[in-house]
Amino acid sequence: MRLLLDTHLLLWAAASSKRLPREARALLEDLDNEAYYSAASIWEIAIKNSLGRKDFRIDLVALQSALPQIGLIELPVCTAHAVGVTRLPPIHRDPFDRLLVAQSITEPLTLLTNDALLARY
């Protein structure tokens, strides 16, 4: 299975947090799965960090080097992903989350999220 982590799951996986749901952890630990993170998530973290959001106080340089070490693969943002956002119904308003949904549909990947609203896609 090919997986795409949403931003919160990405942060929890990188920190080995107990907030990472057991099911997500099992999928990430399964060597038959490929797990991706989006460049859009890194951009989201950078923006929210610069805005002073306490839940996004992350050393991005350290995060960037840690992600491949825990087996995650970077998924760049491309034009097809951006165009894919225009095809989504207005279920979720967050532009970063909408881009993750579009990426998961375009690639295709299974989007892992803890956000019930986002899961409606």
Protein backbone atom coordinates (compact mmCIF):
# COMPACT_ATOMS: atom_id res chain seq x y z
CA MET A 1 0.00 0.00 0.00
CA ARG A 2 1.18 3.52 -0.79
CA LEU A 3 0.44 5.96 2.03
CA LEU A 4 0.50 9.75 2.36
CA LEU A 5 0.65 11.19 5.87
CA ASP A 6 -1.21 14.37 6.68
CA THR A 7 0.81 17.02 8.49
CA HIS A 8 -0.15 16.10 12.05
CA LEU A 9 0.49 12.40 11.51
CA LEU A 10 3.82 13.32 9.92
CA LEU A 11 4.83 15.30 13.00
CA TRP A 12 3.65 12.57 15.37
CA ALA A 13 5.48 9.87 13.38
CA ALA A 14 8.69 11.91 13.31
CA ALA A 15 8.50 12.49 17.06
CA SER A 16 7.47 8.88 17.84
CA SER A 17 4.54 10.45 19.65
CA LYS A 18 1.91 8.42 21.47
CA ARG A 19 -0.61 10.64 19.66
CA LEU A 20 0.06 8.67 16.46
CA PRO A 21 -2.92 6.30 16.21
CA ARG A 22 -2.10 2.62 16.63
CA GLU A 23 -3.52 1.77 13.18
CA ALA A 24 -1.34 4.42 11.50
CA ARG A 25 1.73 3.20 13.38
CA ALA A 26 1.08 -0.38 12.23
CA LEU A 27 0.75 0.74 8.60
CA LEU A 28 3.99 2.72 8.84
CA GLU A 29 5.84 -0.19 10.39
CA ASP A 30 4.64 -2.63 7.71
CA LEU A 31 7.62 -3.03 5.36
CA ASP A 32 5.28 -3.85 2.47
CA ASN A 33 3.96 -0.27 2.55
CA GLU A 34 5.55 2.85 1.08
CA ALA A 35 4.99 5.94 3.22
CA TYR A 36 5.20 9.45 1.77
CA TYR A 37 5.09 12.96 3.16
CA SER A 38 4.23 15.98 1.09
CA ALA A 39 6.45 18.98 0.52
CA ALA A 40 3.19 20.88 1.19
CA SER A 41 3.28 19.62 4.79
CA ILE A 42 6.77 21.02 5.26
CA TRP A 43 5.58 24.32 3.80
CA GLU A 44 2.58 24.29 6.17
CA ILE A 45 4.83 23.67 9.16
CA ALA A 46 7.18 26.48 8.08
CA ILE A 47 4.33 28.97 7.68
CA LYS A 48 2.55 28.07 10.91
CA ASN A 49 5.86 28.07 12.79
CA SER A 50 6.63 31.58 11.52
CA LEU A 51 3.16 32.68 12.66
CA GLY A 52 4.00 31.53 16.18
CA ARG A 53 1.74 28.48 16.36
CA LYS A 54 2.94 26.51 19.39
CA ASP A 55 1.92 23.16 17.89
CA PHE A 56 4.21 23.81 14.91
CA ARG A 57 7.42 24.81 16.72
CA ILE A 58 9.66 22.47 14.82
CA ASP A 59 13.30 22.59 13.75
CA LEU A 60 12.67 22.10 10.04
CA VAL A 61 16.30 21.29 9.22
CA ALA A 62 16.27 18.49 11.79
CA LEU A 63 12.87 17.29 10.57
CA GLN A 64 14.04 17.28 6.96
CA SER A 65 17.01 15.06 7.78
CA ALA A 66 15.00 12.77 10.09
CA LEU A 67 12.19 11.90 7.67
CA PRO A 68 14.21 9.69 5.29
CA GLN A 69 15.82 8.02 8.32
CA ILE A 70 12.41 6.83 9.51
CA GLY A 71 11.60 5.53 6.04
CA LEU A 72 9.44 8.35 4.69
CA ILE A 73 9.67 9.42 1.04
CA GLU A 74 9.23 13.02 -0.06
CA LEU A 75 6.38 13.76 -2.48
CA PRO A 76 7.00 17.04 -4.32
CA VAL A 77 4.09 19.28 -5.28
CA CYS A 78 3.47 19.46 -9.02
CA THR A 79 1.02 21.19 -11.34
CA ALA A 80 -1.26 18.14 -11.56
CA HIS A 81 -1.68 18.26 -7.79
CA ALA A 82 -2.57 21.95 -7.85
CA VAL A 83 -5.08 21.41 -10.65
CA GLY A 84 -6.53 18.49 -8.69
CA VAL A 85 -7.55 20.88 -5.91
CA THR A 86 -10.02 22.52 -8.33
CA ARG A 87 -11.87 19.21 -8.69
CA LEU A 88 -12.53 18.78 -4.96
CA PRO A 89 -15.89 19.53 -3.35
CA PRO A 90 -15.71 22.22 -0.64
CA ILE A 91 -15.72 19.79 2.30
CA HIS A 92 -12.55 21.15 3.91
CA ARG A 93 -11.34 24.75 3.71
CA ASP A 94 -7.68 24.36 4.71
CA PRO A 95 -5.61 24.80 1.51
CA PHE A 96 -2.79 22.54 2.73
CA ASP A 97 -5.20 19.71 3.53
CA ARG A 98 -6.98 20.15 0.20
CA LEU A 99 -3.63 19.86 -1.59
CA LEU A 100 -2.86 16.64 0.33
CA VAL A 101 -6.22 15.22 -0.80
CA ALA A 102 -5.49 16.19 -4.41
CA GLN A 103 -2.05 14.60 -4.20
CA SER A 104 -3.50 11.39 -2.79
CA ILE A 105 -6.03 11.18 -5.62
CA THR A 106 -3.56 12.09 -8.37
CA GLU A 107 -0.75 9.72 -7.38
CA PRO A 108 -2.79 7.57 -6.13
CA LEU A 109 -1.99 7.22 -2.43
CA THR A 110 -4.06 6.43 0.64
CA LEU A 111 -4.20 9.57 2.78
CA LEU A 112 -3.70 8.83 6.47
CA THR A 113 -5.35 11.42 8.67
CA ASN A 114 -6.79 11.84 12.12
CA ASP A 115 -9.06 14.65 10.85
CA ALA A 116 -12.63 13.34 10.49
CA LEU A 117 -13.58 16.19 8.16
CA LEU A 118 -10.62 15.52 5.88
CA ALA A 119 -11.39 11.78 5.91
CA ARG A 120 -14.74 12.54 4.24
CA TYR A 121 -12.91 12.93 0.93
